[in-house]
Amino acid sequence: MKDDKRVSVSRRGFLKGVAVGGASMLLPGTVRASRQGNALASLHDLSKCIGCGECVSACSEQNGGKYPDPQKPFPKMYPGTVKVADWSDRRDVQERLTPYNWLTIQTVEVDWQGQSYEINIPRRCMHCQNPPCANLCPWGACAREDNGVVRINTDICLGGSKCKSVCPWDIPQRQTGVGLYLKLLPAFAGNGVMYKCDRCFELLADGGVPACVSECPEEVQFIGPRQDILVRAHALAKTFAGEADENDFIYGEHENGGTNTIYVSPVPIPLLAKALETGPGSPHMDPVKDMMAQDEFLGLAALAAPLAGVAAGLLTAGAKIIKSGQKDEEATHE
């Protein structure tokens, strides 16, 4: 009979028995590294995750003010093949990524070395080192910040979905009926706004940690300078790997040229990848080549960069004018 090494799953029924201080999850030198423009990464120890969902709730509470509030009915789009993406009536969905749920937990059961494991995997944006979403957005609405955060400027995003189509994990999710396109050419220019994890950038800017990190009762995550995180990841992977290759227990170090989300699993990553149920809003864990190293994407990036810069400037100016006009209109009605 196999030994059972399952991690119990209790989802929302789990009651936190201890208070976890966010500072304990911040590696030394993290604040300094962030202010100096060095990439920060997060380490996920999957052996600790019990799938309680505290991180999902914390993400929603912290970022709920950023969620879309669409106008209905939606403008008719031309051409008619442009599809509406509407999650406004399904805001409570947590089983996959949506514009209203930027972090989801995938659960798999695998057998390895005669033992049975249940592994819970928190999934969100990988925050790539050289992100195709930021390099190839034609409007300059997506960018990688110096501290490694990749985020979408929802003020100027037109919802064209280029970021999702070039993301190896299809992370960004679209909501129709919201955003700048409604003020421009709603029938022709865009189709809403794209949404994804922004790693609680405002908390990082204040020297804090993302909500999913600070509210986890099991200390699944640490955040710190990427090189320090990788040292920890390899040390942890060695304890799981034994005589096996420790690199098989790490995901995110090299995928897509390297990401700032590093997973360490107590079982080989290929076993997780094979067992995962993937699909829309449910990312895979397969190997990913560096997309920006491919000639096709390098050429597109070279063409897109100057145009995106100009477009971002124009759209930002337009968004400011529209907001200013809205404030003036509100003032006259008071």
Protein backbone atom coordinates (compact mmCIF):
# COMPACT_ATOMS: atom_id res chain seq x y z
CA MET A 1 0.00 0.00 0.00
CA LYS A 2 1.33 3.44 -0.95
CA ASP A 3 2.23 6.01 1.67
CA ASP A 4 -0.19 8.91 1.45
CA LYS A 5 1.52 12.31 1.39
CA ARG A 6 -1.53 14.33 0.46
CA VAL A 7 -1.76 17.98 1.40
CA SER A 8 -5.27 18.45 2.77
CA VAL A 9 -7.51 20.87 0.89
CA SER A 10 -10.05 22.86 2.87
CA ARG A 11 -10.62 25.91 0.63
CA ARG A 12 -12.74 28.58 2.27
CA GLY A 13 -13.48 26.42 5.32
CA PHE A 14 -9.90 26.85 6.55
CA LEU A 15 -9.58 29.12 9.61
CA LYS A 16 -6.31 30.92 10.08
CA GLY A 17 -4.82 29.87 13.39
CA VAL A 18 -1.85 32.17 13.29
CA ALA A 19 -1.20 35.71 12.19
CA VAL A 20 1.33 36.00 9.41
CA GLY A 21 3.32 39.21 9.14
CA GLY A 22 4.02 40.31 5.58
CA ALA A 23 7.48 41.51 6.58
CA SER A 24 8.57 37.93 7.32
CA MET A 25 7.96 37.03 3.68
CA LEU A 26 10.19 39.86 2.41
CA LEU A 27 13.79 38.76 1.89
CA PRO A 28 16.56 41.09 3.14
CA GLY A 29 17.43 43.78 0.62
CA THR A 30 14.09 43.59 -1.18
CA VAL A 31 13.02 47.19 -0.61
CA ARG A 32 16.45 48.48 -1.57
CA ALA A 33 16.54 46.28 -4.68
CA SER A 34 13.11 47.50 -5.74
CA ARG A 35 14.08 51.15 -5.33
CA GLN A 36 17.26 50.55 -7.28
CA GLY A 37 15.30 49.07 -10.16
CA ASN A 38 16.37 45.45 -9.67
CA ALA A 39 13.94 42.70 -10.57
CA LEU A 40 12.00 41.14 -7.71
CA ALA A 41 10.74 37.56 -7.93
CA SER A 42 8.43 35.44 -5.83
CA LEU A 43 9.13 31.88 -4.73
CA HIS A 44 6.19 29.49 -4.40
CA ASP A 45 6.88 26.44 -2.26
CA LEU A 46 4.16 24.12 -3.54
CA SER A 47 4.77 21.62 -0.74
CA LYS A 48 3.18 24.12 1.66
CA CYS A 49 0.08 25.21 -0.26
CA ILE A 50 -3.12 23.72 1.21
CA GLY A 51 -5.44 25.34 -1.35
CA CYS A 52 -7.33 27.31 1.31
CA GLY A 53 -8.02 30.23 -1.05
CA GLU A 54 -6.83 32.96 1.35
CA CYS A 55 -4.56 34.33 -1.39
CA VAL A 56 -7.47 34.49 -3.84
CA SER A 57 -9.63 36.41 -1.37
CA ALA A 58 -6.77 38.73 -0.43
CA CYS A 59 -6.12 39.51 -4.08
CA SER A 60 -9.78 40.38 -4.62
CA GLU A 61 -9.97 42.56 -1.52
CA GLN A 62 -6.81 44.45 -2.43
CA ASN A 63 -7.60 44.92 -6.11
CA GLY A 64 -11.40 45.06 -6.18
CA GLY A 65 -11.30 48.80 -6.82
CA LYS A 66 -9.48 48.13 -10.09
CA TYR A 67 -12.08 45.70 -11.43
CA PRO A 68 -14.16 46.77 -14.46
CA ASP A 69 -17.65 48.23 -14.25
CA PRO A 70 -18.90 47.87 -17.84
CA GLN A 71 -21.54 49.93 -19.60
CA LYS A 72 -24.40 48.01 -21.18
CA PRO A 73 -25.65 47.47 -23.81
CA PHE A 74 -22.28 46.98 -25.47
CA PRO A 75 -21.56 48.88 -28.70
CA LYS A 76 -22.00 46.77 -31.83
CA MET A 77 -18.57 45.88 -33.14
CA TYR A 78 -17.37 45.87 -36.74
CA PRO A 79 -16.45 43.47 -38.13
CA GLY A 80 -19.07 41.24 -36.58
CA THR A 81 -16.47 38.53 -35.92
CA VAL A 82 -15.17 40.54 -32.94
CA LYS A 83 -16.41 38.65 -29.89
CA VAL A 84 -17.83 40.20 -26.75
CA ALA A 85 -16.10 39.09 -23.53
CA ASP A 86 -18.42 39.70 -20.59
CA TRP A 87 -17.70 38.44 -17.07
CA SER A 88 -19.71 41.12 -15.25
CA ASP A 89 -22.46 38.65 -14.33
CA ARG A 90 -19.93 36.01 -13.21
CA ARG A 91 -17.77 38.05 -10.88
CA ASP A 92 -17.66 35.34 -8.22
CA VAL A 93 -15.94 32.76 -10.45
CA GLN A 94 -12.68 31.64 -8.82
CA GLU A 95 -11.99 28.40 -10.65
CA ARG A 96 -10.18 30.19 -13.47
CA LEU A 97 -8.64 33.55 -14.32
CA THR A 98 -11.12 36.28 -15.30
CA PRO A 99 -11.12 40.10 -15.35
CA TYR A 100 -12.50 39.83 -11.80
CA ASN A 101 -10.23 37.03 -10.57
CA TRP A 102 -6.51 37.54 -11.12
CA LEU A 103 -5.34 34.56 -9.08
CA THR A 104 -6.68 31.03 -9.19
CA ILE A 105 -5.61 27.73 -7.63
CA GLN A 106 -5.13 24.60 -9.72
CA THR A 107 -5.10 21.24 -7.96
CA VAL A 108 -3.58 18.01 -9.27
CA GLU A 109 -3.07 14.51 -7.92
CA VAL A 110 0.13 12.70 -8.90
CA ASP A 111 2.06 9.62 -7.84
CA TRP A 112 5.81 9.75 -7.50
CA GLN A 113 8.25 7.25 -6.01
CA GLY A 114 5.45 5.17 -4.55
CA GLN A 115 3.73 8.07 -2.83
CA SER A 116 0.54 9.95 -3.62
CA TYR A 117 0.57 13.74 -3.66
CA GLU A 118 -2.10 16.38 -3.97
CA ILE A 119 -0.48 19.62 -5.14
CA ASN A 120 -2.15 23.02 -5.10
CA ILE A 121 -0.71 25.59 -7.50
CA PRO A 122 -1.54 29.31 -7.19
CA ARG A 123 -1.60 30.70 -10.75
CA ARG A 124 -1.44 34.30 -11.89
CA CYS A 125 0.71 36.39 -14.23
CA MET A 126 4.27 35.03 -14.43
CA HIS A 127 5.77 38.57 -14.74
CA CYS A 128 8.32 37.60 -17.37
CA GLN A 129 11.79 39.09 -17.54
CA ASN A 130 11.34 39.93 -21.22
CA PRO A 131 7.54 39.86 -21.62
CA PRO A 132 6.09 39.57 -25.12
CA CYS A 133 2.87 41.21 -23.87
CA ALA A 134 4.77 44.41 -23.07
CA ASN A 135 7.07 44.25 -26.10
CA LEU A 136 4.31 43.67 -28.62
CA CYS A 137 1.34 45.71 -27.36
CA PRO A 138 0.62 48.02 -30.33
CA TRP A 139 -0.74 50.76 -28.02
CA GLY A 140 2.01 50.71 -25.41
CA ALA A 141 -0.57 49.88 -22.75
CA CYS A 142 1.44 47.04 -21.21
CA ALA A 143 4.90 47.59 -19.76
CA ARG A 144 7.53 45.94 -17.59
CA GLU A 145 8.64 48.11 -14.70
CA ASP A 146 12.21 48.20 -13.42
CA ASN A 147 11.35 46.06 -10.38
CA GLY A 148 10.07 43.26 -12.62
CA VAL A 149 6.34 43.96 -12.37
CA VAL A 150 4.52 43.62 -15.68
CA ARG A 151 1.27 45.56 -15.67
CA ILE A 152 -1.39 46.87 -18.00
CA ASN A 153 -2.30 50.55 -18.00
CA THR A 154 -6.07 50.17 -17.98
CA ASP A 155 -6.50 53.89 -18.68
CA ILE A 156 -5.22 53.46 -22.23
CA CYS A 157 -5.76 49.76 -22.97
CA LEU A 158 -8.18 49.25 -25.86
CA GLY A 159 -8.77 45.56 -25.24
CA GLY A 160 -7.29 44.37 -28.51
CA SER A 161 -6.07 41.17 -26.82
CA LYS A 162 -2.61 41.16 -28.41
CA CYS A 163 -1.14 40.63 -24.94
CA LYS A 164 -3.15 37.46 -24.48
CA SER A 165 -2.38 36.07 -27.92
CA VAL A 166 1.40 36.38 -27.37
CA CYS A 167 1.38 35.25 -23.72
CA PRO A 168 2.60 31.63 -23.50
CA TRP A 169 0.08 31.03 -20.71
CA ASP A 170 -2.86 33.11 -22.09
CA ILE A 171 -2.99 35.02 -18.81
CA PRO A 172 -4.66 38.42 -19.60
CA GLN A 173 -8.46 38.38 -19.67
CA ARG A 174 -10.75 40.86 -21.43
CA GLN A 175 -13.90 42.66 -20.30
CA THR A 176 -15.99 44.38 -22.97
CA GLY A 177 -17.86 47.62 -22.35
CA VAL A 178 -15.24 49.43 -20.31
CA GLY A 179 -12.26 51.64 -21.04
CA LEU A 180 -11.03 54.30 -23.40
CA TYR A 181 -12.40 52.68 -26.55
CA LEU A 182 -15.90 53.77 -25.54
CA LYS A 183 -14.79 57.41 -25.84
CA LEU A 184 -12.99 56.96 -29.15
CA LEU A 185 -14.48 54.74 -31.85
CA PRO A 186 -16.47 52.15 -29.88
CA ALA A 187 -17.59 50.27 -32.97
CA PHE A 188 -14.13 50.03 -34.52
CA ALA A 189 -11.34 50.72 -32.03
CA GLY A 190 -10.85 47.96 -29.47
CA ASN A 191 -13.26 45.94 -27.43
CA GLY A 192 -12.76 46.73 -23.74
CA VAL A 193 -9.78 46.38 -21.42
CA MET A 194 -7.41 43.53 -20.59
CA TYR A 195 -6.88 42.59 -16.94
CA LYS A 196 -4.35 40.50 -15.02
CA CYS A 197 -2.29 40.43 -11.83
CA ASP A 198 -0.23 43.60 -11.35
CA ARG A 199 1.53 42.11 -8.29
CA CYS A 200 -0.02 44.77 -6.05
CA PHE A 201 2.48 47.26 -7.46
CA GLU A 202 1.29 50.02 -5.13
CA LEU A 203 2.11 47.90 -2.06
CA LEU A 204 5.57 47.10 -3.42
CA ALA A 205 6.15 50.80 -4.06
CA ASP A 206 5.49 51.45 -0.35
CA GLY A 207 7.93 48.76 0.75
CA GLY A 208 5.24 46.15 1.35
CA VAL A 209 4.42 42.80 -0.22
CA PRO A 210 1.57 41.66 -2.48
CA ALA A 211 -1.64 40.75 -0.67
CA CYS A 212 -1.42 37.10 -1.72
CA VAL A 213 1.97 36.86 0.00
CA SER A 214 1.11 38.61 3.26
CA GLU A 215 -2.24 36.86 3.81
CA CYS A 216 -1.10 33.30 3.17
CA PRO A 217 -1.38 31.38 6.47
CA GLU A 218 1.12 28.73 5.34
CA GLU A 219 3.96 31.01 4.17
CA VAL A 220 3.85 29.52 0.70
CA GLN A 221 5.49 32.56 -0.89
CA PHE A 222 8.60 34.67 -0.39
CA ILE A 223 9.47 37.73 -2.42
CA GLY A 224 12.91 39.26 -2.93
CA PRO A 225 15.68 40.06 -5.42
CA ARG A 226 15.50 37.52 -8.23
CA GLN A 227 19.02 36.14 -7.76
CA ASP A 228 18.37 35.56 -4.05
CA ILE A 229 15.07 33.86 -4.85
CA LEU A 230 16.78 31.54 -7.33
CA VAL A 231 19.39 30.55 -4.74
CA ARG A 232 16.57 29.65 -2.33
CA ALA A 233 14.66 27.85 -5.07
CA HIS A 234 17.59 25.60 -5.95
CA ALA A 235 18.35 24.86 -2.30
CA LEU A 236 14.73 23.86 -1.75
CA ALA A 237 14.57 21.85 -4.99
CA LYS A 238 17.59 19.82 -3.88
CA THR A 239 15.74 18.69 -0.75
CA PHE A 240 12.90 17.38 -2.91
CA ALA A 241 14.98 15.95 -5.77
CA GLY A 242 17.34 13.67 -3.88
CA GLU A 243 19.25 11.86 -6.63
CA ALA A 244 17.07 13.36 -9.38
CA ASP A 245 17.83 16.55 -11.33
CA GLU A 246 16.85 19.52 -9.16
CA ASN A 247 15.99 21.56 -12.26
CA ASP A 248 13.01 19.27 -12.87
CA PHE A 249 11.48 20.60 -9.65
CA ILE A 250 11.69 24.30 -10.60
CA TYR A 251 9.37 26.17 -12.96
CA GLY A 252 9.79 29.77 -14.12
CA GLU A 253 13.56 30.15 -13.95
CA HIS A 254 14.06 29.67 -17.69
CA GLU A 255 10.53 29.51 -19.13
CA ASN A 256 9.98 32.19 -21.78
CA GLY A 257 13.51 33.46 -21.15
CA GLY A 258 12.94 33.64 -17.40
CA THR A 259 10.08 34.86 -15.22
CA ASN A 260 9.72 36.53 -11.84
CA THR A 261 7.36 33.83 -10.60
CA ILE A 262 9.33 30.78 -9.49
CA TYR A 263 7.62 27.54 -8.48
CA VAL A 264 9.36 24.76 -6.56
CA SER A 265 7.46 21.48 -6.48
CA PRO A 266 7.93 18.44 -4.22
CA VAL A 267 7.44 16.28 -7.34
CA PRO A 268 8.91 16.76 -10.83
CA ILE A 269 7.26 19.58 -12.78
CA PRO A 270 6.59 17.34 -15.83
CA LEU A 271 4.25 15.26 -13.64
CA LEU A 272 2.31 18.40 -12.71
CA ALA A 273 2.18 19.55 -16.31
CA LYS A 274 0.80 16.21 -17.46
CA ALA A 275 -1.86 16.09 -14.72
CA LEU A 276 -3.10 19.68 -15.04
CA GLU A 277 -6.49 20.35 -16.57
CA THR A 278 -5.79 23.33 -18.79
CA GLY A 279 -7.90 25.54 -20.99
CA PRO A 280 -9.24 29.12 -21.04
CA GLY A 281 -8.22 30.82 -17.81
CA SER A 282 -6.39 27.69 -16.60
CA PRO A 283 -2.68 27.97 -17.50
CA HIS A 284 -0.38 25.06 -18.32
CA MET A 285 3.03 24.23 -16.84
CA ASP A 286 4.69 22.95 -19.99
CA PRO A 287 8.20 24.04 -21.04
CA VAL A 288 8.18 27.41 -22.83
CA LYS A 289 10.91 28.64 -25.16
CA ASP A 290 12.00 32.28 -25.06
CA MET A 291 9.40 33.82 -27.36
CA MET A 292 11.25 37.12 -27.70
CA ALA A 293 14.30 35.26 -29.00
CA GLN A 294 12.35 34.09 -32.05
CA ASP A 295 12.92 36.02 -35.27
CA GLU A 296 9.19 36.58 -35.78
CA PHE A 297 8.74 38.26 -32.41
CA LEU A 298 12.01 40.18 -32.59
CA GLY A 299 10.91 41.69 -35.90
CA LEU A 300 7.49 42.57 -34.56
CA ALA A 301 9.02 44.16 -31.47
CA ALA A 302 11.37 46.28 -33.57
CA LEU A 303 8.41 47.58 -35.57
CA ALA A 304 6.04 47.94 -32.63
CA ALA A 305 8.28 49.74 -30.15
CA PRO A 306 8.41 53.23 -31.73
CA LEU A 307 4.76 53.11 -32.79
CA ALA A 308 3.67 51.89 -29.36
CA GLY A 309 5.53 54.73 -27.69
CA VAL A 310 3.76 57.32 -29.81
CA ALA A 311 0.40 55.60 -29.39
CA ALA A 312 0.81 55.41 -25.61
CA GLY A 313 1.60 59.12 -25.46
CA LEU A 314 -1.41 60.07 -27.55
CA LEU A 315 -3.77 57.75 -25.70
CA THR A 316 -2.52 58.96 -22.32
CA ALA A 317 -3.07 62.56 -23.34
CA GLY A 318 -6.52 61.70 -24.66
CA ALA A 319 -7.44 59.86 -21.48
CA LYS A 320 -6.41 62.87 -19.38
CA ILE A 321 -8.49 65.24 -21.52
CA ILE A 322 -11.52 62.97 -21.24
CA LYS A 323 -11.13 62.64 -17.46
CA SER A 324 -10.72 66.40 -17.11
CA GLY A 325 -13.88 66.96 -19.16
CA GLN A 326 -15.79 64.49 -17.01
CA LYS A 327 -14.71 66.27 -13.83
CA ASP A 328 -15.76 69.66 -15.24
CA GLU A 329 -19.13 68.23 -16.23
CA GLU A 330 -19.64 66.72 -12.77
CA ALA A 331 -18.73 70.05 -11.17
CA THR A 332 -21.29 71.97 -13.19
CA HIS A 333 -24.03 69.57 -12.10
CA GLU A 334 -23.24 69.92 -8.41
